[in-house]
């Protein structure tokens, strides 16, 4: 039986429920180095075999690379999508297409307040007056609350994306969330992503081909000129570079 098959079967169980954060941190203290050069699918296989259904992946729906890869290892795996209320319609469409075409369980997570309720409580367009607070309310806290159901989570974080991400471990400890953080694509180059998309016919958000190589909420995302930093369109005109999820 292949590791993928064993991992897929193991996913139906729960392997780490009840373990303390200290036990989880100790569990992965040496794994990162061991898996540093492993293929992405092997990293996911390890996570699925280790954490079972206490493991989920997250996706901002810029593309479905991580969701597609994970679905080949563990069909029906949870894919967490943060529906901030400010997404481009193309992003919502990509989410719906992923849910309809891949064997995954897409979970759309919404903030405690609607956009209108947030405007009433904090003033209109909080993303302009206090973008850090807006991200905290609409992304960071909803994710943290959702991750209470899991022991480990996977992201599509890649070291090639920004200078801030060059030290992203393949498997590490997220002290702020008290969770194991897995980044199976951390070592992938832009070319590797493009090759995987082409080879497997992976869904890509249409905005990627319309000048938006990095896609966030529509009020805070701008087109990027060819050759510029792909993330320069995020929070353009401000010093903000991250939403806080990966802080």
Protein backbone atom coordinates (compact mmCIF):
# COMPACT_ATOMS: atom_id res chain seq x y z
CA UNK A 1 0.00 0.00 0.00
CA UNK A 2 1.43 3.39 -0.98
CA UNK A 3 1.99 6.16 1.56
CA UNK A 4 -0.68 8.21 -0.23
CA UNK A 5 -3.22 5.41 0.20
CA UNK A 6 -2.33 4.91 3.86
CA UNK A 7 -2.52 8.65 4.45
CA UNK A 8 -5.89 8.92 2.76
CA UNK A 9 -7.26 6.13 4.93
CA UNK A 10 -5.65 7.58 8.04
CA UNK A 11 -7.31 10.92 7.34
CA UNK A 12 -10.64 9.48 8.41
CA UNK A 13 -9.30 9.05 11.94
CA UNK A 14 -8.15 11.48 14.60
CA UNK A 15 -4.59 11.05 15.81
CA UNK A 16 -3.64 14.07 17.91
CA UNK A 17 -6.87 15.18 19.55
CA UNK A 18 -6.31 15.95 23.21
CA UNK A 19 -2.58 16.61 22.92
CA UNK A 20 -1.34 19.77 24.56
CA UNK A 21 0.40 22.54 22.58
CA UNK A 22 3.66 21.52 24.26
CA UNK A 23 3.23 17.94 23.04
CA UNK A 24 2.42 19.11 19.53
CA UNK A 25 5.41 21.43 19.46
CA UNK A 26 7.67 18.61 20.61
CA UNK A 27 6.14 16.32 17.99
CA UNK A 28 7.35 18.52 15.14
CA UNK A 29 10.54 19.87 16.71
CA UNK A 30 12.74 17.77 14.43
CA UNK A 31 10.39 17.04 11.56
CA UNK A 32 11.00 20.30 9.70
CA UNK A 33 14.62 19.46 9.01
CA UNK A 34 13.74 15.91 8.01
CA UNK A 35 11.10 17.07 5.53
CA UNK A 36 12.89 20.19 4.28
CA UNK A 37 13.82 18.63 0.94
CA UNK A 38 10.82 16.30 0.63
CA UNK A 39 8.35 16.68 -2.26
CA UNK A 40 5.21 18.63 -1.42
CA UNK A 41 2.97 15.58 -1.61
CA UNK A 42 5.15 13.72 0.90
CA UNK A 43 4.91 16.65 3.30
CA UNK A 44 1.12 16.55 3.02
CA UNK A 45 1.14 12.75 3.41
CA UNK A 46 3.10 13.13 6.64
CA UNK A 47 0.65 15.73 7.96
CA UNK A 48 -2.39 13.65 7.08
CA UNK A 49 -0.90 10.49 8.57
CA UNK A 50 0.09 12.37 11.72
CA UNK A 51 -2.93 14.57 12.40
CA UNK A 52 -5.79 12.83 10.60
CA UNK A 53 -8.91 14.99 10.47
CA UNK A 54 -7.27 17.44 12.87
CA UNK A 55 -5.43 18.77 9.80
CA UNK A 56 -6.81 21.26 7.25
CA UNK A 57 -5.47 23.42 4.48
CA UNK A 58 -6.21 27.08 3.83
CA UNK A 59 -6.65 28.80 0.50
CA UNK A 60 -7.15 32.39 -0.60
CA UNK A 61 -8.33 31.06 -3.99
CA UNK A 62 -5.66 32.73 -6.09
CA UNK A 63 -5.31 29.25 -7.53
CA UNK A 64 -6.18 25.70 -6.51
CA UNK A 65 -2.67 24.24 -6.50
CA UNK A 66 -2.56 23.33 -2.79
CA UNK A 67 -6.19 22.16 -2.77
CA UNK A 68 -5.58 19.95 -5.83
CA UNK A 69 -2.37 18.51 -4.39
CA UNK A 70 -3.98 17.79 -1.02
CA UNK A 71 -7.02 16.17 -2.64
CA UNK A 72 -4.79 13.60 -4.33
CA UNK A 73 -3.49 12.55 -0.91
CA UNK A 74 -6.61 12.93 1.25
CA UNK A 75 -9.94 13.21 -0.58
CA UNK A 76 -12.53 15.20 1.38
CA UNK A 77 -9.87 17.18 3.21
CA UNK A 78 -11.11 20.47 4.68
CA UNK A 79 -10.16 23.58 2.70
CA UNK A 80 -10.65 26.71 4.81
CA UNK A 81 -11.51 29.90 2.89
CA UNK A 82 -11.87 33.22 4.71
CA UNK A 83 -14.86 34.99 3.17
CA UNK A 84 -14.12 38.54 4.32
CA UNK A 85 -17.10 40.14 2.59
CA UNK A 86 -14.68 42.17 0.47
CA UNK A 87 -13.61 39.58 -2.10
CA UNK A 88 -13.62 40.05 -5.86
CA UNK A 89 -16.44 38.17 -7.55
CA UNK A 90 -13.77 36.21 -9.43
CA UNK A 91 -12.37 34.95 -6.13
CA UNK A 92 -15.79 33.78 -4.97
CA UNK A 93 -16.24 32.12 -8.35
CA UNK A 94 -12.92 30.31 -7.98
CA UNK A 95 -13.95 29.11 -4.53
CA UNK A 96 -17.23 27.78 -5.90
CA UNK A 97 -15.45 26.08 -8.81
CA UNK A 98 -12.98 24.40 -6.44
CA UNK A 99 -15.87 23.12 -4.32
CA UNK A 100 -17.66 21.82 -7.41
CA UNK A 101 -14.74 20.14 -9.18
CA UNK A 102 -12.33 18.85 -6.53
CA UNK A 103 -12.94 16.12 -3.93
CA UNK A 104 -12.46 18.53 -1.02
CA UNK A 105 -14.68 20.05 1.65
CA UNK A 106 -14.55 23.83 1.20
CA UNK A 107 -15.40 25.66 4.41
CA UNK A 108 -16.23 29.35 3.91
CA UNK A 109 -15.57 31.17 7.16
CA UNK A 110 -17.15 34.57 7.76
CA UNK A 111 -16.27 37.21 10.39
CA UNK A 112 -18.43 37.81 13.44
CA UNK A 113 -19.70 41.05 11.89
CA UNK A 114 -20.96 41.77 8.39
CA UNK A 115 -19.33 44.65 6.55
CA UNK A 116 -22.32 46.84 7.42
CA UNK A 117 -22.11 45.91 11.10
CA UNK A 118 -18.39 46.62 11.13
CA UNK A 119 -18.98 50.01 9.50
CA UNK A 120 -21.53 50.84 12.18
CA UNK A 121 -19.19 49.82 14.99
CA UNK A 122 -15.88 51.22 13.73
CA UNK A 123 -16.78 53.75 11.05
CA UNK A 124 -17.15 53.30 7.32
CA UNK A 125 -14.32 51.74 5.33
CA UNK A 126 -12.17 50.53 8.21
CA UNK A 127 -9.75 49.17 5.62
CA UNK A 128 -8.79 52.80 4.91
CA UNK A 129 -8.64 54.16 8.46
CA UNK A 130 -7.13 51.13 10.19
CA UNK A 131 -6.23 48.34 7.74
CA UNK A 132 -4.49 46.27 10.43
CA UNK A 133 -7.66 46.19 12.54
CA UNK A 134 -9.78 45.39 9.49
CA UNK A 135 -7.56 42.41 8.67
CA UNK A 136 -7.56 41.33 12.30
CA UNK A 137 -11.36 41.34 12.45
CA UNK A 138 -12.08 39.85 9.05
CA UNK A 139 -9.20 37.41 8.58
CA UNK A 140 -6.92 36.82 11.54
CA UNK A 141 -9.54 36.21 14.25
CA UNK A 142 -11.90 34.11 12.08
CA UNK A 143 -8.98 31.87 11.12
CA UNK A 144 -7.78 31.56 14.71
CA UNK A 145 -11.29 30.65 15.85
CA UNK A 146 -11.65 28.04 13.11
CA UNK A 147 -8.25 26.51 13.79
CA UNK A 148 -9.45 25.65 17.29
CA UNK A 149 -10.93 22.57 15.59
CA UNK A 150 -7.53 21.47 14.24
CA UNK A 151 -4.04 20.69 15.47
CA UNK A 152 -2.26 21.57 12.24
CA UNK A 153 -2.92 23.69 9.18
CA UNK A 154 -1.31 23.99 5.77
CA UNK A 155 -0.78 27.17 3.80
CA UNK A 156 0.27 27.91 0.24
CA UNK A 157 3.10 30.11 1.55
CA UNK A 158 6.13 30.16 -0.74
CA UNK A 159 9.56 31.60 0.01
CA UNK A 160 9.80 33.04 -3.49
CA UNK A 161 6.84 35.37 -2.90
CA UNK A 162 8.42 38.00 -0.61
CA UNK A 163 11.59 38.66 1.36
CA UNK A 164 9.56 38.29 4.54
CA UNK A 165 8.80 34.68 3.67
CA UNK A 166 12.26 33.35 2.79
CA UNK A 167 12.60 31.69 6.21
CA UNK A 168 9.17 30.02 6.15
CA UNK A 169 9.74 26.46 7.41
CA UNK A 170 8.21 23.48 5.64
CA UNK A 171 6.94 22.28 9.02
CA UNK A 172 7.06 24.61 11.98
CA UNK A 173 5.36 25.73 15.16
CA UNK A 174 2.95 28.66 15.02
CA UNK A 175 3.34 29.95 18.57
CA UNK A 176 0.67 32.63 18.24
CA UNK A 177 -1.99 30.11 17.22
CA UNK A 178 -0.60 27.17 19.17
CA UNK A 179 -0.75 25.02 16.04
CA UNK A 180 1.58 23.13 13.74
CA UNK A 181 2.01 25.12 10.53
CA UNK A 182 2.78 23.23 7.34
CA UNK A 183 3.93 24.92 4.12
CA UNK A 184 4.24 22.14 1.53
CA UNK A 185 4.97 24.59 -1.32
CA UNK A 186 7.54 26.64 0.60
CA UNK A 187 10.41 25.70 -1.73
CA UNK A 188 8.44 25.95 -4.97
CA UNK A 189 9.47 28.53 -7.55
CA UNK A 190 7.03 30.44 -9.75
CA UNK A 191 8.00 28.12 -12.58
CA UNK A 192 7.15 25.02 -10.54
CA UNK A 193 3.72 26.45 -9.75
CA UNK A 194 3.08 27.24 -13.41
CA UNK A 195 4.21 23.75 -14.46
CA UNK A 196 1.94 22.06 -11.92
CA UNK A 197 -1.01 24.15 -13.08
CA UNK A 198 -0.36 23.29 -16.71
CA UNK A 199 0.29 19.58 -16.12
CA UNK A 200 -2.86 19.07 -14.00
CA UNK A 201 -5.26 21.62 -15.46
CA UNK A 202 -5.52 23.34 -12.08
CA UNK A 203 -8.06 26.12 -11.58
CA UNK A 204 -6.62 29.63 -11.48
CA UNK A 205 -8.41 32.81 -10.43
CA UNK A 206 -9.07 34.78 -13.67
CA UNK A 207 -7.66 37.91 -12.04
CA UNK A 208 -4.17 36.36 -12.15
CA UNK A 209 -4.26 36.78 -15.93
CA UNK A 210 -5.60 40.32 -15.62
CA UNK A 211 -2.67 41.89 -13.81
CA UNK A 212 -3.35 40.64 -10.27
CA UNK A 213 -0.61 38.11 -9.40
CA UNK A 214 -1.43 38.40 -5.67
CA UNK A 215 -5.11 38.70 -4.80
CA UNK A 216 -6.64 39.94 -1.58
CA UNK A 217 -9.75 41.99 -0.80
CA UNK A 218 -10.87 44.23 -3.66
CA UNK A 219 -10.56 47.58 -1.81
CA UNK A 220 -6.90 46.86 -0.99
CA UNK A 221 -5.66 45.13 -4.15
CA UNK A 222 -4.39 46.83 -7.31
CA UNK A 223 -3.06 45.65 -10.64
CA UNK A 224 0.69 45.16 -10.90
CA UNK A 225 2.79 46.24 -13.86
CA UNK A 226 4.72 43.47 -15.64
CA UNK A 227 8.08 42.93 -13.97
CA UNK A 228 7.10 44.56 -10.66
CA UNK A 229 6.98 42.76 -7.32
CA UNK A 230 3.92 40.47 -7.56
CA UNK A 231 2.77 41.55 -4.09
CA UNK A 232 3.21 45.29 -4.69
CA UNK A 233 -0.50 45.53 -5.51
CA UNK A 234 -1.46 44.50 -1.97
CA UNK A 235 -2.21 47.49 0.28
CA UNK A 236 -0.67 49.71 -2.40
CA UNK A 237 0.37 53.13 -1.12
CA UNK A 238 0.85 51.91 2.47
CA UNK A 239 3.66 50.27 4.40
CA UNK A 240 1.48 47.22 5.09
CA UNK A 241 2.73 44.01 3.48
CA UNK A 242 0.93 41.19 5.36
CA UNK A 243 -2.58 40.71 6.74
CA UNK A 244 -1.29 39.27 10.00
CA UNK A 245 -2.11 35.61 9.41
CA UNK A 246 1.54 34.79 8.86
CA UNK A 247 2.93 37.20 11.47
